[in-house]
C-alpha cells in the first residue's frame, strides 16, 4: 500500500502543469505617448489543448497584435495585463492581453 501511495504521488507531480515563470516588471516607456481610442482593448490567442504541445503554446505577441487591430492607428499598448486560461470550452487554451492602446507622437519637422 505504501508503494501505491508513492506511485500515486509521483504520477500526480509529473502530470501537473505549470503556467509559466511570469514575473511582474516595468519598462521605461517613451514620454511622448498619446492614447488612441476611448479605453482599453483586449486581444487573445487560442489553440487546441491536444497533448503536451497544446499546453500554453499560445503567443503573447499574437494576442497583442489582435488587441492592436481593435484600435486603428495604435502602435503599442501600455498598462498591460496578461492572463492565461486553459480548458476554455474544454478543448482550448488561451492567452489574453489587455492594455491601453497608444501611439508615439513624433516632433514636427522643421523647415
N, C-alpha and C. Protein backbone atom coordinates (compact mmCIF):
# COMPACT_ATOMS: atom_id res chain seq x y z
N UNK A 1 0.82 -1.19 0.00
CA UNK A 1 0.00 0.00 0.00
C UNK A 1 0.87 1.26 0.00
N UNK A 2 2.02 1.18 0.69
CA UNK A 2 2.93 2.32 0.75
C UNK A 2 3.47 2.65 -0.64
N UNK A 3 3.83 1.62 -1.41
CA UNK A 3 4.35 1.83 -2.77
C UNK A 3 3.28 2.42 -3.68
N UNK A 4 2.06 2.00 -3.50
CA UNK A 4 0.96 2.53 -4.31
C UNK A 4 0.77 4.02 -4.03
N UNK A 5 0.89 4.41 -2.76
CA UNK A 5 0.79 5.84 -2.41
C UNK A 5 1.92 6.64 -3.03
N UNK A 6 3.14 6.12 -2.96
CA UNK A 6 4.29 6.81 -3.55
C UNK A 6 4.14 6.92 -5.06
N UNK A 7 3.64 5.86 -5.69
CA UNK A 7 3.42 5.87 -7.14
C UNK A 7 2.36 6.91 -7.51
N UNK A 8 1.30 7.01 -6.73
CA UNK A 8 0.25 7.99 -6.99
C UNK A 8 0.78 9.42 -6.86
N UNK A 9 1.62 9.65 -5.84
CA UNK A 9 2.20 10.99 -5.66
C UNK A 9 3.13 11.33 -6.82
N UNK A 10 3.97 10.36 -7.23
CA UNK A 10 4.88 10.60 -8.35
C UNK A 10 4.11 10.89 -9.63
N UNK A 11 3.03 10.16 -9.86
CA UNK A 11 2.21 10.38 -11.05
C UNK A 11 1.59 11.77 -11.03
N UNK A 12 1.06 12.18 -9.88
CA UNK A 12 0.42 13.48 -9.76
C UNK A 12 1.41 14.61 -9.98
N UNK A 13 2.62 14.47 -9.46
CA UNK A 13 3.63 15.51 -9.61
C UNK A 13 4.10 15.60 -11.06
N UNK A 14 4.29 14.47 -11.71
CA UNK A 14 4.79 14.51 -13.09
C UNK A 14 3.74 14.97 -14.07
N UNK A 15 2.48 14.87 -13.73
CA UNK A 15 1.42 15.26 -14.65
C UNK A 15 0.92 16.68 -14.41
N UNK A 16 1.42 17.33 -13.40
CA UNK A 16 0.95 18.70 -13.14
C UNK A 16 1.54 19.63 -14.19
N UNK A 17 0.79 20.66 -14.51
CA UNK A 17 1.27 21.64 -15.48
C UNK A 17 1.57 22.93 -14.76
N UNK A 18 2.50 23.68 -15.27
CA UNK A 18 2.87 24.96 -14.71
C UNK A 18 2.65 26.01 -15.77
N UNK A 19 1.93 27.05 -15.42
CA UNK A 19 1.56 28.08 -16.39
C UNK A 19 2.79 28.77 -16.95
N UNK A 20 3.77 29.03 -16.17
CA UNK A 20 4.96 29.70 -16.65
C UNK A 20 5.65 30.44 -15.53
N UNK A 21 6.74 31.01 -15.86
CA UNK A 21 7.53 31.75 -14.89
C UNK A 21 7.40 33.24 -15.15
N UNK A 22 6.19 33.74 -15.17
CA UNK A 22 5.96 35.15 -15.42
C UNK A 22 6.34 35.95 -14.18
N UNK A 23 6.97 37.08 -14.39
CA UNK A 23 7.31 37.99 -13.31
C UNK A 23 6.80 39.37 -13.67
N UNK A 24 6.40 40.11 -12.67
CA UNK A 24 5.95 41.47 -12.91
C UNK A 24 7.17 42.35 -13.13
N UNK A 25 7.11 43.15 -14.16
CA UNK A 25 8.21 44.07 -14.42
C UNK A 25 7.67 45.32 -15.09
N UNK A 26 8.48 46.33 -15.10
CA UNK A 26 8.10 47.60 -15.68
C UNK A 26 9.21 48.10 -16.58
N UNK A 27 8.84 48.63 -17.72
CA UNK A 27 9.81 49.22 -18.64
C UNK A 27 9.61 50.72 -18.67
N UNK A 28 10.69 51.43 -18.96
CA UNK A 28 10.56 52.87 -19.10
C UNK A 28 10.02 53.15 -20.49
N UNK A 29 8.81 53.66 -20.53
CA UNK A 29 8.15 53.93 -21.81
C UNK A 29 8.49 55.34 -22.28
N UNK A 30 8.41 55.59 -23.57
CA UNK A 30 8.63 56.95 -24.07
C UNK A 30 7.65 57.92 -23.42
N UNK A 31 8.08 59.14 -23.21
CA UNK A 31 7.24 60.14 -22.54
C UNK A 31 6.21 60.75 -23.47
N UNK A 32 6.39 60.60 -24.76
CA UNK A 32 5.51 61.28 -25.71
C UNK A 32 4.47 60.31 -26.30
N UNK A 33 3.78 59.58 -25.44
CA UNK A 33 2.75 58.65 -25.90
C UNK A 33 1.38 59.33 -25.87
N UNK A 34 0.60 59.03 -26.88
CA UNK A 34 -0.76 59.55 -26.97
C UNK A 34 -1.73 58.37 -26.99
N UNK A 35 -2.74 58.41 -26.13
CA UNK A 35 -3.73 57.34 -26.06
C UNK A 35 -4.59 57.38 -27.31
N UNK A 36 -4.83 56.19 -27.87
CA UNK A 36 -5.66 56.06 -29.07
C UNK A 36 -6.97 55.39 -28.66
N UNK A 37 -8.09 55.93 -29.09
CA UNK A 37 -9.37 55.32 -28.78
C UNK A 37 -9.92 55.79 -27.44
N UNK A 38 -10.94 55.08 -26.97
CA UNK A 38 -11.65 55.53 -25.78
C UNK A 38 -11.40 54.68 -24.54
N UNK A 39 -10.57 53.67 -24.64
CA UNK A 39 -10.31 52.84 -23.46
C UNK A 39 -9.48 51.62 -23.80
N UNK A 40 -9.33 50.73 -22.82
CA UNK A 40 -8.50 49.54 -23.02
C UNK A 40 -9.08 48.60 -24.09
N UNK A 41 -8.18 47.85 -24.71
CA UNK A 41 -8.58 46.84 -25.69
C UNK A 41 -8.01 45.50 -25.23
N UNK A 42 -8.66 44.42 -25.68
CA UNK A 42 -8.21 43.08 -25.32
C UNK A 42 -8.03 42.25 -26.58
N UNK A 43 -6.97 41.49 -26.59
CA UNK A 43 -6.73 40.56 -27.68
C UNK A 43 -6.51 39.18 -27.11
N UNK A 44 -6.65 38.17 -27.94
CA UNK A 44 -6.44 36.81 -27.46
C UNK A 44 -5.83 35.95 -28.53
N UNK A 45 -5.18 34.89 -28.10
CA UNK A 45 -4.61 33.88 -28.98
C UNK A 45 -4.95 32.54 -28.33
N UNK A 46 -5.63 31.69 -29.06
CA UNK A 46 -6.07 30.40 -28.53
C UNK A 46 -5.60 29.27 -29.43
N UNK A 47 -5.45 28.09 -28.85
CA UNK A 47 -5.14 26.90 -29.63
C UNK A 47 -5.76 25.69 -28.95
N UNK A 48 -5.86 24.62 -29.71
CA UNK A 48 -6.42 23.39 -29.17
C UNK A 48 -5.50 22.79 -28.11
N UNK A 49 -6.09 22.26 -27.07
CA UNK A 49 -5.34 21.63 -25.98
C UNK A 49 -5.27 20.14 -26.25
N UNK A 50 -4.44 19.76 -27.20
CA UNK A 50 -4.31 18.35 -27.56
C UNK A 50 -2.88 17.91 -27.25
N UNK A 51 -2.73 17.01 -26.33
CA UNK A 51 -1.40 16.53 -25.97
C UNK A 51 -0.59 17.59 -25.26
N UNK A 52 0.68 17.33 -25.08
CA UNK A 52 1.54 18.28 -24.38
C UNK A 52 1.86 19.50 -25.23
N UNK A 53 1.73 19.43 -26.55
CA UNK A 53 2.05 20.56 -27.40
C UNK A 53 1.01 21.67 -27.31
N UNK A 54 -0.17 21.36 -26.78
CA UNK A 54 -1.23 22.36 -26.72
C UNK A 54 -1.24 23.16 -25.44
N UNK A 55 -0.44 22.81 -24.46
CA UNK A 55 -0.49 23.49 -23.17
C UNK A 55 0.32 24.77 -23.21
N UNK A 56 -0.35 25.87 -23.31
CA UNK A 56 0.24 27.19 -23.27
C UNK A 56 1.31 27.40 -24.33
N UNK A 57 0.98 27.01 -25.55
CA UNK A 57 1.83 27.32 -26.70
C UNK A 57 1.37 28.62 -27.36
N UNK A 58 0.42 29.29 -26.77
CA UNK A 58 -0.11 30.49 -27.38
C UNK A 58 0.92 31.61 -27.31
N UNK A 59 0.79 32.53 -28.23
CA UNK A 59 1.76 33.61 -28.37
C UNK A 59 1.22 34.91 -27.77
N UNK A 60 1.97 35.50 -26.85
CA UNK A 60 1.60 36.80 -26.29
C UNK A 60 1.68 37.86 -27.38
N UNK A 61 2.64 37.72 -28.30
CA UNK A 61 2.77 38.67 -29.40
C UNK A 61 1.53 38.65 -30.29
N UNK A 62 1.02 37.45 -30.59
CA UNK A 62 -0.19 37.36 -31.43
C UNK A 62 -1.40 37.94 -30.71
N UNK A 63 -1.50 37.72 -29.41
CA UNK A 63 -2.60 38.30 -28.64
C UNK A 63 -2.50 39.83 -28.64
N UNK A 64 -1.27 40.35 -28.57
CA UNK A 64 -1.06 41.79 -28.62
C UNK A 64 -1.45 42.35 -29.98
N UNK A 65 -1.07 41.66 -31.04
CA UNK A 65 -1.45 42.10 -32.40
C UNK A 65 -2.97 42.11 -32.54
N UNK A 66 -3.64 41.11 -31.97
CA UNK A 66 -5.10 41.05 -32.02
C UNK A 66 -5.70 42.26 -31.30
N UNK A 67 -5.14 42.62 -30.15
CA UNK A 67 -5.63 43.79 -29.41
C UNK A 67 -5.42 45.07 -30.22
N UNK A 68 -4.27 45.19 -30.88
CA UNK A 68 -3.97 46.41 -31.64
C UNK A 68 -4.89 46.58 -32.85
N UNK A 69 -5.41 45.48 -33.40
CA UNK A 69 -6.34 45.60 -34.52
C UNK A 69 -7.65 46.26 -34.09
N UNK A 70 -7.93 46.26 -32.80
CA UNK A 70 -9.17 46.85 -32.28
C UNK A 70 -9.01 48.34 -31.99
N UNK A 71 -7.81 48.88 -32.21
CA UNK A 71 -7.54 50.30 -32.01
C UNK A 71 -6.75 50.82 -33.20
N UNK A 72 -7.44 51.14 -34.31
CA UNK A 72 -6.74 51.59 -35.51
C UNK A 72 -5.81 52.77 -35.23
N UNK A 73 -4.60 52.68 -35.73
CA UNK A 73 -3.62 53.74 -35.55
C UNK A 73 -2.68 53.51 -34.37
N UNK A 74 -3.04 52.61 -33.46
CA UNK A 74 -2.19 52.34 -32.29
C UNK A 74 -0.99 51.51 -32.72
N UNK A 75 0.15 51.80 -32.10
CA UNK A 75 1.37 51.05 -32.40
C UNK A 75 1.88 50.26 -31.19
N UNK A 76 1.22 50.42 -30.06
CA UNK A 76 1.64 49.70 -28.86
C UNK A 76 0.59 49.77 -27.78
N UNK A 77 0.88 49.09 -26.66
CA UNK A 77 -0.02 49.08 -25.51
C UNK A 77 0.74 49.51 -24.28
N UNK A 78 0.05 50.18 -23.35
CA UNK A 78 0.64 50.48 -22.05
C UNK A 78 -0.30 49.96 -20.97
N UNK A 79 0.23 49.83 -19.76
CA UNK A 79 -0.54 49.29 -18.63
C UNK A 79 -1.15 47.94 -19.00
N UNK A 80 -0.30 47.02 -19.40
CA UNK A 80 -0.73 45.73 -19.96
C UNK A 80 -0.94 44.69 -18.86
N UNK A 81 -1.99 43.90 -19.05
CA UNK A 81 -2.27 42.74 -18.20
C UNK A 81 -2.32 41.51 -19.09
N UNK A 82 -1.64 40.44 -18.67
CA UNK A 82 -1.62 39.19 -19.43
C UNK A 82 -2.22 38.10 -18.57
N UNK A 83 -3.16 37.35 -19.15
CA UNK A 83 -3.81 36.25 -18.42
C UNK A 83 -3.79 35.01 -19.29
N UNK A 84 -3.72 33.86 -18.67
CA UNK A 84 -3.80 32.59 -19.38
C UNK A 84 -4.92 31.75 -18.82
N UNK A 85 -5.65 31.09 -19.69
CA UNK A 85 -6.73 30.19 -19.26
C UNK A 85 -6.61 28.90 -20.04
N UNK A 86 -6.71 27.79 -19.33
CA UNK A 86 -6.73 26.51 -20.04
C UNK A 86 -8.08 25.85 -19.83
N UNK A 87 -8.44 25.02 -20.76
CA UNK A 87 -9.71 24.33 -20.68
C UNK A 87 -10.90 25.19 -21.04
N UNK A 88 -10.69 26.24 -21.84
CA UNK A 88 -11.80 27.06 -22.30
C UNK A 88 -12.63 26.18 -23.24
N UNK A 89 -13.88 26.02 -22.95
CA UNK A 89 -14.78 25.11 -23.68
C UNK A 89 -14.19 23.71 -23.75
N UNK A 90 -13.42 23.33 -22.75
CA UNK A 90 -12.82 22.01 -22.57
C UNK A 90 -11.69 21.67 -23.53
N UNK A 91 -11.54 22.38 -24.64
CA UNK A 91 -10.53 21.99 -25.64
C UNK A 91 -9.57 23.11 -26.02
N UNK A 92 -9.75 24.31 -25.52
CA UNK A 92 -8.90 25.43 -25.92
C UNK A 92 -8.07 25.97 -24.75
N UNK A 93 -6.88 26.40 -25.05
CA UNK A 93 -6.05 27.16 -24.13
C UNK A 93 -5.88 28.54 -24.74
N UNK A 94 -6.01 29.58 -23.92
CA UNK A 94 -5.96 30.95 -24.44
C UNK A 94 -5.05 31.83 -23.61
N UNK A 95 -4.43 32.80 -24.29
CA UNK A 95 -3.68 33.87 -23.64
C UNK A 95 -4.40 35.16 -23.99
N UNK A 96 -4.68 35.97 -22.97
CA UNK A 96 -5.37 37.25 -23.16
C UNK A 96 -4.42 38.38 -22.80
N UNK A 97 -4.41 39.42 -23.64
CA UNK A 97 -3.60 40.61 -23.40
C UNK A 97 -4.56 41.80 -23.40
N UNK A 98 -4.51 42.60 -22.34
CA UNK A 98 -5.35 43.79 -22.25
C UNK A 98 -4.48 44.98 -21.91
N UNK A 99 -4.73 46.10 -22.58
CA UNK A 99 -3.96 47.31 -22.31
C UNK A 99 -4.55 48.52 -22.99
N UNK A 100 -3.98 49.65 -22.66
CA UNK A 100 -4.41 50.92 -23.26
C UNK A 100 -3.62 51.15 -24.54
N UNK A 101 -4.32 51.30 -25.68
CA UNK A 101 -3.62 51.49 -26.96
C UNK A 101 -3.01 52.90 -27.04
N UNK A 102 -1.77 52.95 -27.54
CA UNK A 102 -1.05 54.22 -27.64
C UNK A 102 -0.31 54.30 -28.97
N UNK A 103 0.07 55.52 -29.30
CA UNK A 103 0.93 55.79 -30.45
C UNK A 103 1.97 56.81 -29.99
N UNK A 104 3.19 56.66 -30.45
CA UNK A 104 4.25 57.59 -30.08
C UNK A 104 4.15 58.82 -30.97
N UNK A 105 4.03 59.98 -30.35
CA UNK A 105 3.95 61.24 -31.11
C UNK A 105 5.37 61.62 -31.53
N UNK A 106 5.49 62.04 -32.76
CA UNK A 106 6.79 62.48 -33.25
C UNK A 106 6.79 63.99 -33.38
N UNK A 107 7.93 64.58 -33.12
CA UNK A 107 8.05 66.03 -33.24
C UNK A 107 7.92 66.43 -34.70
N UNK A 108 7.28 67.54 -34.94
CA UNK A 108 7.12 68.04 -36.30
C UNK A 108 8.47 68.39 -36.92
N UNK A 109 8.59 68.19 -38.22
CA UNK A 109 9.84 68.51 -38.90
C UNK A 109 9.97 70.01 -39.09
N UNK A 110 11.17 70.50 -38.84
CA UNK A 110 11.42 71.93 -39.03
C UNK A 110 11.92 72.17 -40.45
N UNK A 111 11.51 73.28 -41.03
CA UNK A 111 11.94 73.63 -42.38
C UNK A 111 13.10 74.59 -42.35
